Amino acid sequence: MAYPARRKQSPQESTGQAPARLRSASDVTPLPVAGPARERQLLEATLAGRFKIRRLVGRGGMSSVYLGWDHALERKVAIKVLAPEFVRQLEDRERFRREARIAASLFHPNIVPVYASEQQNGLTFVVMHYVAGPSLAARLDSVGALPVDETVEILAALADALDSVHRIGVVHRDIKPDNILLDEVTGRPMLTDFGVATVATSEHSRSEVVKALGTPQYMSPEHALGEQAADARSDLYSLGVVGFRMLTGRLPFTGGSPQSIVAQHVALEPPPIGHYAPHVPEEVARVIDRCLAKKPSQRWADAGAFRAALLKAQRGAGRRRWNFFRR
């Protein structure tokens, strides 16, 4: 005689306990396993008691930036978190941490200060000063070209910041409107994101030059070619492209691919600012146009010289306008 197979008892039945009630989906709060929600949850747990995460400010290709509150010092901070897929790459993780070390060593009113850099619970993050205001890129996207005086003021401040950076052997290598924040409180432009910066005394940094990391639309010819000799004057070229866009509302070179844009920076002479913005005083336009010379030796010797020439040109243009109206 065949008997039905004996049903295996559950642990609860074998001990005389009532079986646990199956919970419905509404009873369960699933933990996110990946993505922005999981990143924020990990960050909040890691920083509990020190910082409160208020909201996500923005997300880029390699990182996210959150607005936080520093409980001890009672101030807003920006917390930049390296994306999980890059945390797993040693090279990207080290580049992110090197960015923090470089930025933390810089002291200038037009450079975003870095307060701390840490790696915990699988997160790599940097705590830095929170700048309340848009990026220069957002401003340009909104209004197009900027007035001459405002452009000169922003460029002069950034040149002063770069001069202090270059004096200690650091080359930013990614000067562009997205990396320039406009502080609504102080009115100052603030330079940020030293993620691909190089240090003259670092062998690792020199090896990074040949990778031509950066943004094609603002990349100097020598940077694009990966030349080891690319120096501070490469930043001046990029700053000149920023100035060109601020005054004309457009870029000197455009194309359908990053490769075509880079090729133009290497091979073609840029149009003068006056071609697209004839209202810009000639002396001001000439100072910025010189930054876009193909050969570094034909640009300004350093950021300090560029700043001095730019302010002198602005004063000269101002005197000409004053004399014109006095007639």
Protein backbone atom coordinates (compact mmCIF):
# COMPACT_ATOMS: atom_id res chain seq x y z
CA MET A 1 0.00 0.00 0.00
CA ALA A 2 1.38 3.36 -0.99
CA TYR A 3 1.31 6.10 1.54
CA PRO A 4 1.39 9.81 0.73
CA ALA A 5 4.77 11.43 1.38
CA ARG A 6 5.04 12.91 4.81
CA ARG A 7 4.79 16.71 4.73
CA LYS A 8 7.87 18.40 6.18
CA GLN A 9 6.98 20.49 9.23
CA SER A 10 7.92 24.09 9.45
CA PRO A 11 10.12 25.13 12.39
CA GLN A 12 7.14 26.85 13.96
CA GLU A 13 4.95 23.75 13.73
CA SER A 14 7.64 21.43 15.11
CA THR A 15 8.01 23.63 18.18
CA GLY A 16 4.33 24.13 18.70
CA GLN A 17 4.41 27.80 17.64
CA ALA A 18 1.85 29.32 15.35
CA PRO A 19 3.19 29.99 11.86
CA ALA A 20 4.19 33.58 11.18
CA ARG A 21 1.71 35.63 9.21
CA LEU A 22 2.81 36.33 5.63
CA ARG A 23 3.28 40.05 5.26
CA SER A 24 1.81 41.91 2.34
CA ALA A 25 3.82 44.21 0.13
CA SER A 26 2.49 47.15 2.14
CA ASP A 27 4.09 45.70 5.29
CA VAL A 28 7.58 45.67 3.77
CA THR A 29 9.85 48.65 3.25
CA PRO A 30 12.39 47.46 0.66
CA LEU A 31 15.95 48.71 0.97
CA PRO A 32 17.32 50.18 -2.25
CA VAL A 33 20.22 48.07 -3.49
CA ALA A 34 21.74 50.62 -5.83
CA GLY A 35 21.25 54.03 -7.35
CA PRO A 36 20.65 57.50 -5.93
CA ALA A 37 18.34 56.37 -3.11
CA ARG A 38 20.88 53.86 -1.81
CA GLU A 39 23.70 56.40 -2.13
CA ARG A 40 21.81 58.95 -0.08
CA GLN A 41 20.85 56.37 2.53
CA LEU A 42 24.48 55.29 2.95
CA LEU A 43 25.62 58.89 3.09
CA GLU A 44 23.08 59.81 5.77
CA ALA A 45 24.09 56.79 7.86
CA THR A 46 27.79 57.53 7.46
CA LEU A 47 27.50 61.21 8.37
CA ALA A 48 24.89 60.86 11.11
CA GLY A 49 25.61 63.15 14.01
CA ARG A 50 28.05 65.26 12.02
CA PHE A 51 26.14 66.43 8.97
CA LYS A 52 22.49 66.41 7.95
CA ILE A 53 21.78 65.80 4.27
CA ARG A 54 19.17 68.28 3.08
CA ARG A 55 18.85 67.67 -0.65
CA LEU A 56 20.58 66.67 -3.86
CA VAL A 57 22.02 69.73 -5.59
CA GLY A 58 23.23 68.12 -8.80
CA ARG A 59 24.59 64.99 -10.41
CA GLY A 60 27.41 64.80 -12.95
CA GLY A 61 29.18 62.07 -14.85
CA MET A 62 31.40 60.97 -11.96
CA SER A 63 29.82 62.37 -8.81
CA SER A 64 26.80 63.77 -7.00
CA VAL A 65 26.68 66.93 -4.88
CA TYR A 66 24.41 67.25 -1.84
CA LEU A 67 23.57 70.25 0.30
CA GLY A 68 24.33 69.41 3.91
CA TRP A 69 24.27 71.05 7.34
CA ASP A 70 27.33 70.98 9.60
CA HIS A 71 25.94 70.48 13.12
CA ALA A 72 29.16 71.46 14.93
CA LEU A 73 29.84 74.71 13.07
CA GLU A 74 26.21 75.46 12.16
CA ARG A 75 26.81 76.17 8.49
CA LYS A 76 25.80 74.86 5.10
CA VAL A 77 28.26 72.60 3.28
CA ALA A 78 28.41 70.89 -0.09
CA ILE A 79 29.16 67.16 -0.01
CA LYS A 80 30.54 65.71 -3.24
CA VAL A 81 30.23 61.93 -3.53
CA LEU A 82 32.07 59.81 -6.09
CA ALA A 83 29.65 57.60 -8.04
CA PRO A 84 29.76 53.90 -7.00
CA GLU A 85 30.94 52.67 -10.39
CA PHE A 86 34.01 54.91 -10.09
CA VAL A 87 34.69 54.01 -6.44
CA ARG A 88 35.51 50.50 -7.66
CA GLN A 89 38.17 51.88 -10.01
CA LEU A 90 41.37 52.59 -8.09
CA GLU A 91 42.53 55.17 -10.63
CA ASP A 92 39.29 57.17 -10.46
CA ARG A 93 39.17 56.92 -6.68
CA GLU A 94 42.72 58.20 -6.33
CA ARG A 95 42.07 61.03 -8.79
CA PHE A 96 39.04 62.09 -6.74
CA ARG A 97 41.06 62.06 -3.52
CA ARG A 98 43.92 63.93 -5.18
CA GLU A 99 41.46 66.60 -6.24
CA ALA A 100 40.49 67.07 -2.59
CA ARG A 101 44.10 67.26 -1.45
CA ILE A 102 44.97 69.86 -4.08
CA ALA A 103 41.90 71.98 -3.38
CA ALA A 104 42.46 71.78 0.38
CA SER A 105 45.96 73.21 -0.06
CA LEU A 106 44.68 76.32 -1.86
CA PHE A 107 43.65 79.49 -0.07
CA HIS A 108 42.06 82.20 -2.20
CA PRO A 109 38.74 84.07 -2.00
CA ASN A 110 37.84 82.90 -5.52
CA ILE A 111 38.51 79.19 -4.95
CA VAL A 112 35.94 76.95 -3.27
CA PRO A 113 37.50 75.76 0.05
CA VAL A 114 37.62 72.05 0.90
CA TYR A 115 37.05 71.07 4.55
CA ALA A 116 37.48 67.28 4.56
CA SER A 117 37.96 64.20 2.40
CA GLU A 118 36.97 60.74 3.61
CA GLN A 119 36.32 57.17 2.53
CA GLN A 120 33.82 55.19 4.62
CA ASN A 121 31.22 52.45 4.10
CA GLY A 122 32.13 52.14 0.43
CA LEU A 123 31.66 55.88 -0.13
CA THR A 124 34.35 58.34 -1.20
CA PHE A 125 33.29 61.92 -0.52
CA VAL A 126 34.54 65.47 -0.03
CA VAL A 127 33.02 68.11 2.25
CA MET A 128 33.47 71.67 1.00
CA HIS A 129 32.12 75.20 1.17
CA TYR A 130 28.60 75.57 -0.17
CA VAL A 131 28.25 78.27 -2.81
CA ALA A 132 24.69 79.58 -3.02
CA GLY A 133 24.30 80.52 -6.64
CA PRO A 134 24.34 79.22 -10.21
CA SER A 135 27.29 78.18 -12.29
CA LEU A 136 28.58 80.54 -14.94
CA ALA A 137 27.39 77.97 -17.48
CA ALA A 138 23.82 78.25 -16.21
CA ARG A 139 24.03 82.04 -16.33
CA LEU A 140 25.31 82.01 -19.92
CA ASP A 141 22.67 79.51 -20.98
CA SER A 142 20.07 81.86 -19.54
CA VAL A 143 21.22 85.25 -20.81
CA GLY A 144 23.71 84.56 -23.61
CA ALA A 145 26.50 87.14 -23.65
CA LEU A 146 27.39 89.19 -20.57
CA PRO A 147 28.15 92.94 -20.36
CA VAL A 148 31.79 93.89 -20.89
CA ASP A 149 32.38 95.24 -17.38
CA GLU A 150 30.91 92.16 -15.72
CA THR A 151 32.99 89.91 -17.96
CA VAL A 152 36.18 91.77 -17.10
CA GLU A 153 35.39 91.63 -13.38
CA ILE A 154 34.84 87.85 -13.48
CA LEU A 155 37.90 87.15 -15.65
CA ALA A 156 40.15 89.33 -13.47
CA ALA A 157 39.04 87.53 -10.30
CA LEU A 158 39.58 84.11 -11.88
CA ALA A 159 42.97 85.15 -13.23
CA ASP A 160 43.99 86.20 -9.73
CA ALA A 161 42.89 82.80 -8.40
CA LEU A 162 44.80 80.98 -11.15
CA ASP A 163 47.88 83.07 -10.52
CA SER A 164 47.94 81.87 -6.90
CA VAL A 165 47.39 78.27 -8.03
CA HIS A 166 50.08 78.37 -10.69
CA ARG A 167 52.63 79.80 -8.27
CA ILE A 168 52.60 76.55 -6.31
CA GLY A 169 52.86 74.40 -9.43
CA VAL A 170 49.21 73.41 -9.90
CA VAL A 171 47.56 73.50 -13.34
CA HIS A 172 43.76 73.22 -13.26
CA ARG A 173 43.34 71.76 -16.79
CA ASP A 174 39.54 72.04 -16.88
CA ILE A 175 38.68 75.74 -16.80
CA LYS A 176 35.12 76.07 -18.13
CA PRO A 177 31.85 77.81 -17.14
CA ASP A 178 30.54 74.66 -15.42
CA ASN A 179 33.47 74.82 -12.97
CA ILE A 180 32.90 78.47 -12.10
CA LEU A 181 30.22 79.19 -9.49
CA LEU A 182 28.68 82.63 -8.96
CA ASP A 183 28.16 83.31 -5.25
CA GLU A 184 24.87 85.16 -4.79
CA VAL A 185 25.89 86.29 -1.30
CA THR A 186 29.31 87.85 -2.04
CA GLY A 187 29.01 88.32 -5.79
CA ARG A 188 32.33 86.52 -6.28
CA PRO A 189 33.05 83.96 -9.01
CA MET A 190 34.39 80.78 -7.37
CA LEU A 191 36.64 78.29 -9.13
CA THR A 192 36.02 74.63 -8.33
CA ASP A 193 36.62 71.05 -9.53
CA PHE A 194 40.33 70.28 -9.53
CA GLY A 195 39.56 66.70 -10.60
CA VAL A 196 42.04 66.62 -13.51
CA ALA A 197 44.53 69.13 -12.11
CA THR A 198 48.23 68.34 -12.24
CA VAL A 199 51.05 69.23 -9.88
CA ALA A 200 54.44 70.04 -11.37
CA THR A 201 56.29 68.10 -8.67
CA SER A 202 54.17 64.95 -9.01
CA GLU A 203 55.30 62.15 -11.32
CA HIS A 204 51.74 60.73 -11.24
CA SER A 205 50.33 64.10 -12.32
CA ARG A 206 52.77 64.37 -15.19
CA SER A 207 51.69 60.93 -16.42
CA GLU A 208 48.06 62.14 -16.35
CA VAL A 209 48.84 64.87 -18.90
CA VAL A 210 49.18 62.42 -21.78
CA LYS A 211 45.59 61.24 -21.21
CA ALA A 212 44.25 64.64 -22.32
CA LEU A 213 41.51 64.66 -19.68
CA GLY A 214 39.36 67.77 -19.84
CA THR A 215 36.60 69.39 -21.90
CA PRO A 216 37.17 69.60 -25.70
CA GLN A 217 35.41 72.96 -26.14
CA TYR A 218 37.86 74.66 -23.75
CA MET A 219 41.00 72.57 -24.29
CA SER A 220 44.28 74.18 -25.31
CA PRO A 221 46.12 72.75 -28.34
CA GLU A 222 48.99 71.40 -26.22
CA HIS A 223 46.56 69.87 -23.73
CA ALA A 224 44.65 68.17 -26.54
CA LEU A 225 47.89 66.74 -27.92
CA GLY A 226 48.83 65.38 -24.49
CA GLU A 227 52.11 67.28 -24.39
CA GLN A 228 54.12 66.86 -21.20
CA ALA A 229 55.20 70.50 -21.47
CA ALA A 230 51.62 71.80 -21.06
CA ASP A 231 51.85 74.36 -18.25
CA ALA A 232 49.94 77.23 -16.66
CA ARG A 233 49.53 78.92 -20.03
CA SER A 234 47.20 76.07 -20.97
CA ASP A 235 44.80 77.35 -18.29
CA LEU A 236 45.07 80.83 -19.81
CA TYR A 237 43.95 79.45 -23.16
CA SER A 238 40.90 77.87 -21.52
CA LEU A 239 40.15 81.08 -19.61
CA GLY A 240 40.37 82.94 -22.92
CA VAL A 241 37.74 80.60 -24.39
CA VAL A 242 35.54 81.32 -21.36
CA GLY A 243 35.99 85.05 -21.96
CA PHE A 244 35.20 84.61 -25.65
CA ARG A 245 31.92 82.90 -24.80
CA MET A 246 31.02 85.48 -22.15
CA LEU A 247 31.39 88.36 -24.61
CA THR A 248 30.04 86.76 -27.80
CA GLY A 249 27.52 84.25 -26.47
CA ARG A 250 29.16 81.47 -28.49
CA LEU A 251 32.27 79.30 -28.62
CA PRO A 252 35.16 79.93 -31.01
CA PHE A 253 34.98 76.34 -32.30
CA THR A 254 32.01 73.99 -32.60
CA GLY A 255 31.56 70.61 -34.25
CA GLY A 256 29.63 67.40 -34.39
CA SER A 257 32.06 65.43 -32.24
CA PRO A 258 34.66 66.06 -29.53
CA GLN A 259 37.36 64.95 -31.98
CA SER A 260 36.39 67.57 -34.55
CA ILE A 261 36.36 70.34 -31.92
CA VAL A 262 39.77 69.31 -30.60
CA ALA A 263 41.15 69.22 -34.16
CA GLN A 264 40.01 72.81 -34.70
CA HIS A 265 41.67 73.98 -31.48
CA VAL A 266 44.89 72.37 -32.68
CA ALA A 267 44.87 73.47 -36.32
CA LEU A 268 42.65 76.53 -36.86
CA GLU A 269 43.01 80.16 -35.83
CA PRO A 270 40.04 81.31 -33.73
CA PRO A 271 37.95 84.21 -34.97
CA PRO A 272 38.62 87.49 -33.11
CA ILE A 273 36.09 88.51 -30.49
CA GLY A 274 35.31 91.66 -32.45
CA HIS A 275 34.00 89.58 -35.35
CA TYR A 276 31.00 88.46 -33.28
CA ALA A 277 30.89 91.27 -30.69
CA PRO A 278 31.87 94.57 -32.33
CA HIS A 279 30.59 96.48 -29.28
CA VAL A 280 33.48 95.17 -27.15
CA PRO A 281 36.27 97.76 -26.84
CA GLU A 282 39.19 96.79 -29.07
CA GLU A 283 41.77 96.92 -26.29
CA VAL A 284 39.71 94.56 -24.10
CA ALA A 285 39.10 92.16 -27.00
CA ARG A 286 42.79 92.09 -27.92
CA VAL A 287 43.83 91.12 -24.38
CA ILE A 288 41.46 88.13 -24.38
CA ASP A 289 42.21 87.17 -27.99
CA ARG A 290 45.89 86.86 -27.08
CA CYS A 291 45.01 84.05 -24.66
CA LEU A 292 43.87 81.99 -27.66
CA ALA A 293 47.20 82.04 -29.46
CA LYS A 294 48.17 78.58 -30.72
CA LYS A 295 51.69 78.74 -29.29
CA PRO A 296 51.95 79.13 -25.49
CA SER A 297 54.88 81.52 -25.96
CA GLN A 298 52.56 83.94 -27.78
CA ARG A 299 50.06 84.11 -24.91
CA TRP A 300 50.43 86.11 -21.73
CA ALA A 301 53.40 85.01 -19.65
CA ASP A 302 51.18 84.21 -16.66
CA ALA A 303 47.73 84.82 -15.20
CA GLY A 304 48.94 87.87 -13.29
CA ALA A 305 50.12 89.54 -16.50
CA PHE A 306 46.80 88.76 -18.17
CA ARG A 307 44.86 90.25 -15.26
CA ALA A 308 46.94 93.44 -15.22
CA ALA A 309 46.57 93.91 -19.00
CA LEU A 310 42.83 93.26 -18.86
CA LEU A 311 42.19 95.82 -16.11
CA LYS A 312 44.40 98.36 -17.87
CA ALA A 313 42.45 97.85 -21.10
CA GLN A 314 39.17 98.31 -19.23
CA ARG A 315 40.38 101.56 -17.68
CA GLY A 316 41.52 102.80 -21.09
CA ALA A 317 38.16 101.97 -22.65
CA GLY A 318 36.41 103.72 -19.77
CA ARG A 319 38.43 106.90 -20.28
CA ARG A 320 37.64 106.90 -23.99
CA ARG A 321 33.92 106.62 -23.25
CA TRP A 322 34.13 109.43 -20.68
CA ASN A 323 35.98 111.73 -23.07
CA PHE A 324 33.44 110.97 -25.81
CA PHE A 325 30.49 112.02 -23.63
CA ARG A 326 32.28 115.14 -22.42
CA ARG A 327 32.52 116.55 -25.92
